[in-house]
Amino acid sequence: MVPSRGDHPERVRNLRWIYLHMIEGYARHNGHADLVRERIDGVTGD
């Protein structure tokens, strides 16, 4: 368990939650970058 900081310092998180949260954020930003690339070069992924 890892103690949380910020708005809820009494809350604890396990490593599974942290890893899933990081993967979710990475996937979201990856999707945004893909949309920008498609707008620039006009090629869409299949």
PDB file of N, CA and C in Angstrom:
ATOM      1  N   MET A   1       0.831  -1.174   0.000  1.00  0.00           N
ATOM      2  CA  MET A   1       0.000   0.000   0.000  1.00  0.00           C
ATOM      3  C   MET A   1       0.886   1.252   0.000  1.00  0.00           C
ATOM      4  N   VAL A   2       0.410   2.261  -0.700  1.00  0.00           N
ATOM      5  CA  VAL A   2       1.149   3.513  -0.821  1.00  0.00           C
ATOM      6  C   VAL A   2       0.259   4.637  -0.321  1.00  0.00           C
ATOM      7  N   PRO A   3       0.742   5.477   0.596  1.00  0.00           N
ATOM      8  CA  PRO A   3      -0.085   6.586   1.068  1.00  0.00           C
ATOM      9  C   PRO A   3      -0.329   7.597  -0.048  1.00  0.00           C
ATOM     10  N   SER A   4      -1.511   8.180  -0.043  1.00  0.00           N
ATOM     11  CA  SER A   4      -1.881   9.176  -1.039  1.00  0.00           C
ATOM     12  C   SER A   4      -1.515  10.562  -0.528  1.00  0.00           C
ATOM     13  N   ARG A   5      -1.279  11.480  -1.417  1.00  0.00           N
ATOM     14  CA  ARG A   5      -0.987  12.870  -1.058  1.00  0.00           C
ATOM     15  C   ARG A   5      -2.008  13.767  -1.713  1.00  0.00           C
ATOM     16  N   GLY A   6      -1.974  15.028  -1.377  1.00  0.00           N
ATOM     17  CA  GLY A   6      -2.862  15.991  -2.020  1.00  0.00           C
ATOM     18  C   GLY A   6      -4.178  16.129  -1.300  1.00  0.00           C
ATOM     19  N   ASP A   7      -5.277  16.010  -2.033  1.00  0.00           N
ATOM     20  CA  ASP A   7      -6.613  16.266  -1.489  1.00  0.00           C
ATOM     21  C   ASP A   7      -7.041  15.258  -0.432  1.00  0.00           C
ATOM     22  N   HIS A   8      -6.568  14.021  -0.512  1.00  0.00           N
ATOM     23  CA  HIS A   8      -7.008  12.958   0.398  1.00  0.00           C
ATOM     24  C   HIS A   8      -5.807  12.226   0.998  1.00  0.00           C
ATOM     25  N   PRO A   9      -5.081  12.870   1.931  1.00  0.00           N
ATOM     26  CA  PRO A   9      -3.875  12.232   2.473  1.00  0.00           C
ATOM     27  C   PRO A   9      -4.160  10.984   3.302  1.00  0.00           C
ATOM     28  N   GLU A  10      -5.402  10.808   3.757  1.00  0.00           N
ATOM     29  CA  GLU A  10      -5.738   9.624   4.557  1.00  0.00           C
ATOM     30  C   GLU A  10      -5.948   8.384   3.693  1.00  0.00           C
ATOM     31  N   ARG A  11      -6.106   8.549   2.392  1.00  0.00           N
ATOM     32  CA  ARG A  11      -6.365   7.443   1.479  1.00  0.00           C
ATOM     33  C   ARG A  11      -5.068   6.730   1.122  1.00  0.00           C
ATOM     34  N   VAL A  12      -5.137   5.427   0.953  1.00  0.00           N
ATOM     35  CA  VAL A  12      -3.965   4.665   0.498  1.00  0.00           C
ATOM     36  C   VAL A  12      -4.307   3.986  -0.827  1.00  0.00           C
ATOM     37  N   ARG A  13      -3.308   3.757  -1.615  1.00  0.00           N
ATOM     38  CA  ARG A  13      -3.470   3.105  -2.921  1.00  0.00           C
ATOM     39  C   ARG A  13      -2.545   1.900  -2.981  1.00  0.00           C
ATOM     40  N   ASN A  14      -2.980   0.882  -3.706  1.00  0.00           N
ATOM     41  CA  ASN A  14      -2.069  -0.230  -3.928  1.00  0.00           C
ATOM     42  C   ASN A  14      -1.380  -0.045  -5.275  1.00  0.00           C
ATOM     43  N   LEU A  15      -0.319  -0.793  -5.499  1.00  0.00           N
ATOM     44  CA  LEU A  15       0.458  -0.620  -6.725  1.00  0.00           C
ATOM     45  C   LEU A  15      -0.354  -0.954  -7.966  1.00  0.00           C
ATOM     46  N   ARG A  16      -1.290  -1.895  -7.852  1.00  0.00           N
ATOM     47  CA  ARG A  16      -2.128  -2.233  -9.005  1.00  0.00           C
ATOM     48  C   ARG A  16      -2.919  -1.012  -9.464  1.00  0.00           C
ATOM     49  N   TRP A  17      -3.501  -0.259  -8.528  1.00  0.00           N
ATOM     50  CA  TRP A  17      -4.270   0.947  -8.873  1.00  0.00           C
ATOM     51  C   TRP A  17      -3.361   1.967  -9.548  1.00  0.00           C
ATOM     52  N   ILE A  18      -2.146   2.131  -9.003  1.00  0.00           N
ATOM     53  CA  ILE A  18      -1.205   3.111  -9.565  1.00  0.00           C
ATOM     54  C   ILE A  18      -0.830   2.728 -10.992  1.00  0.00           C
ATOM     55  N   TYR A  19      -0.482   1.452 -11.211  1.00  0.00           N
ATOM     56  CA  TYR A  19      -0.108   1.008 -12.559  1.00  0.00           C
ATOM     57  C   TYR A  19      -1.257   1.171 -13.547  1.00  0.00           C
ATOM     58  N   LEU A  20      -2.461   0.782 -13.152  1.00  0.00           N
ATOM     59  CA  LEU A  20      -3.611   0.919 -14.049  1.00  0.00           C
ATOM     60  C   LEU A  20      -3.879   2.382 -14.376  1.00  0.00           C
ATOM     61  N   HIS A  21      -3.754   3.250 -13.390  1.00  0.00           N
ATOM     62  CA  HIS A  21      -3.971   4.681 -13.609  1.00  0.00           C
ATOM     63  C   HIS A  21      -2.929   5.242 -14.578  1.00  0.00           C
ATOM     64  N   MET A  22      -1.679   4.818 -14.431  1.00  0.00           N
ATOM     65  CA  MET A  22      -0.624   5.285 -15.326  1.00  0.00           C
ATOM     66  C   MET A  22      -0.838   4.779 -16.752  1.00  0.00           C
ATOM     67  N   ILE A  23      -1.213   3.516 -16.900  1.00  0.00           N
ATOM     68  CA  ILE A  23      -1.463   2.954 -18.234  1.00  0.00           C
ATOM     69  C   ILE A  23      -2.636   3.659 -18.897  1.00  0.00           C
ATOM     70  N   GLU A  24      -3.690   3.932 -18.126  1.00  0.00           N
ATOM     71  CA  GLU A  24      -4.861   4.620 -18.670  1.00  0.00           C
ATOM     72  C   GLU A  24      -4.485   6.013 -19.173  1.00  0.00           C
ATOM     73  N   GLY A  25      -3.716   6.745 -18.395  1.00  0.00           N
ATOM     74  CA  GLY A  25      -3.287   8.083 -18.808  1.00  0.00           C
ATOM     75  C   GLY A  25      -2.407   8.042 -20.036  1.00  0.00           C
ATOM     76  N   TYR A  26      -1.485   7.090 -20.081  1.00  0.00           N
ATOM     77  CA  TYR A  26      -0.597   6.942 -21.235  1.00  0.00           C
ATOM     78  C   TYR A  26      -1.406   6.638 -22.497  1.00  0.00           C
ATOM     79  N   ALA A  27      -2.386   5.741 -22.380  1.00  0.00           N
ATOM     80  CA  ALA A  27      -3.214   5.381 -23.538  1.00  0.00           C
ATOM     81  C   ALA A  27      -4.022   6.578 -24.021  1.00  0.00           C
ATOM     82  N   ARG A  28      -4.526   7.377 -23.088  1.00  0.00           N
ATOM     83  CA  ARG A  28      -5.311   8.555 -23.464  1.00  0.00           C
ATOM     84  C   ARG A  28      -4.446   9.552 -24.227  1.00  0.00           C
ATOM     85  N   HIS A  29      -3.234   9.819 -23.727  1.00  0.00           N
ATOM     86  CA  HIS A  29      -2.347  10.764 -24.396  1.00  0.00           C
ATOM     87  C   HIS A  29      -1.869  10.221 -25.733  1.00  0.00           C
ATOM     88  N   ASN A  30      -1.666   8.921 -25.806  1.00  0.00           N
ATOM     89  CA  ASN A  30      -1.285   8.287 -27.062  1.00  0.00           C
ATOM     90  C   ASN A  30      -2.381   8.489 -28.103  1.00  0.00           C
ATOM     91  N   GLY A  31      -3.640   8.334 -27.686  1.00  0.00           N
ATOM     92  CA  GLY A  31      -4.768   8.544 -28.597  1.00  0.00           C
ATOM     93  C   GLY A  31      -4.847   9.974 -29.090  1.00  0.00           C
ATOM     94  N   HIS A  32      -4.577  10.928 -28.211  1.00  0.00           N
ATOM     95  CA  HIS A  32      -4.597  12.339 -28.618  1.00  0.00           C
ATOM     96  C   HIS A  32      -3.505  12.620 -29.634  1.00  0.00           C
ATOM     97  N   ALA A  33      -2.318  12.067 -29.402  1.00  0.00           N
ATOM     98  CA  ALA A  33      -1.215  12.269 -30.339  1.00  0.00           C
ATOM     99  C   ALA A  33      -1.553  11.663 -31.698  1.00  0.00           C
ATOM    100  N   ASP A  34      -2.252  10.531 -31.707  1.00  0.00           N
ATOM    101  CA  ASP A  34      -2.647   9.889 -32.953  1.00  0.00           C
ATOM    102  C   ASP A  34      -3.623  10.770 -33.730  1.00  0.00           C
ATOM    103  N   LEU A  35      -4.560  11.410 -33.015  1.00  0.00           N
ATOM    104  CA  LEU A  35      -5.504  12.313 -33.684  1.00  0.00           C
ATOM    105  C   LEU A  35      -4.781  13.497 -34.310  1.00  0.00           C
ATOM    106  N   VAL A  36      -3.809  14.046 -33.612  1.00  0.00           N
ATOM    107  CA  VAL A  36      -3.037  15.176 -34.149  1.00  0.00           C
ATOM    108  C   VAL A  36      -2.278  14.735 -35.392  1.00  0.00           C
ATOM    109  N   ARG A  37      -1.641  13.563 -35.321  1.00  0.00           N
ATOM    110  CA  ARG A  37      -0.890  13.061 -36.479  1.00  0.00           C
ATOM    111  C   ARG A  37      -1.805  12.859 -37.676  1.00  0.00           C
ATOM    112  N   GLU A  38      -3.003  12.317 -37.441  1.00  0.00           N
ATOM    113  CA  GLU A  38      -3.950  12.101 -38.544  1.00  0.00           C
ATOM    114  C   GLU A  38      -4.359  13.426 -39.182  1.00  0.00           C
ATOM    115  N   ARG A  39      -4.525  14.462 -38.372  1.00  0.00           N
ATOM    116  CA  ARG A  39      -4.890  15.768 -38.919  1.00  0.00           C
ATOM    117  C   ARG A  39      -3.755  16.348 -39.767  1.00  0.00           C
ATOM    118  N   ILE A  40      -2.509  16.073 -39.361  1.00  0.00           N
ATOM    119  CA  ILE A  40      -1.357  16.628 -40.077  1.00  0.00           C
ATOM    120  C   ILE A  40      -1.124  15.905 -41.391  1.00  0.00           C
ATOM    121  N   ASP A  41      -1.061  14.563 -41.353  1.00  0.00           N
ATOM    122  CA  ASP A  41      -0.704  13.845 -42.577  1.00  0.00           C
ATOM    123  C   ASP A  41      -1.882  13.242 -43.321  1.00  0.00           C
ATOM    124  N   GLY A  42      -3.080  13.258 -42.733  1.00  0.00           N
ATOM    125  CA  GLY A  42      -4.264  12.783 -43.420  1.00  0.00           C
ATOM    126  C   GLY A  42      -4.401  11.270 -43.496  1.00  0.00           C
ATOM    127  N   VAL A  43      -3.439  10.514 -42.968  1.00  0.00           N
ATOM    128  CA  VAL A  43      -3.489   9.061 -43.017  1.00  0.00           C
ATOM    129  C   VAL A  43      -4.114   8.545 -41.723  1.00  0.00           C
ATOM    130  N   THR A  44      -5.147   7.704 -41.865  1.00  0.00           N
ATOM    131  CA  THR A  44      -5.784   7.119 -40.684  1.00  0.00           C
ATOM    132  C   THR A  44      -5.329   5.679 -40.527  1.00  0.00           C
ATOM    133  N   GLY A  45      -5.275   5.233 -39.276  1.00  0.00           N
ATOM    134  CA  GLY A  45      -4.884   3.851 -39.007  1.00  0.00           C
ATOM    135  C   GLY A  45      -6.062   2.912 -39.198  1.00  0.00           C
ATOM    136  N   ASP A  46      -5.788   1.704 -39.611  1.00  0.00           N
ATOM    137  CA  ASP A  46      -6.869   0.707 -39.813  1.00  0.00           C
ATOM    138  C   ASP A  46      -6.923  -0.255 -38.684  1.00  0.00           C
TER     139      ASP A  46
END
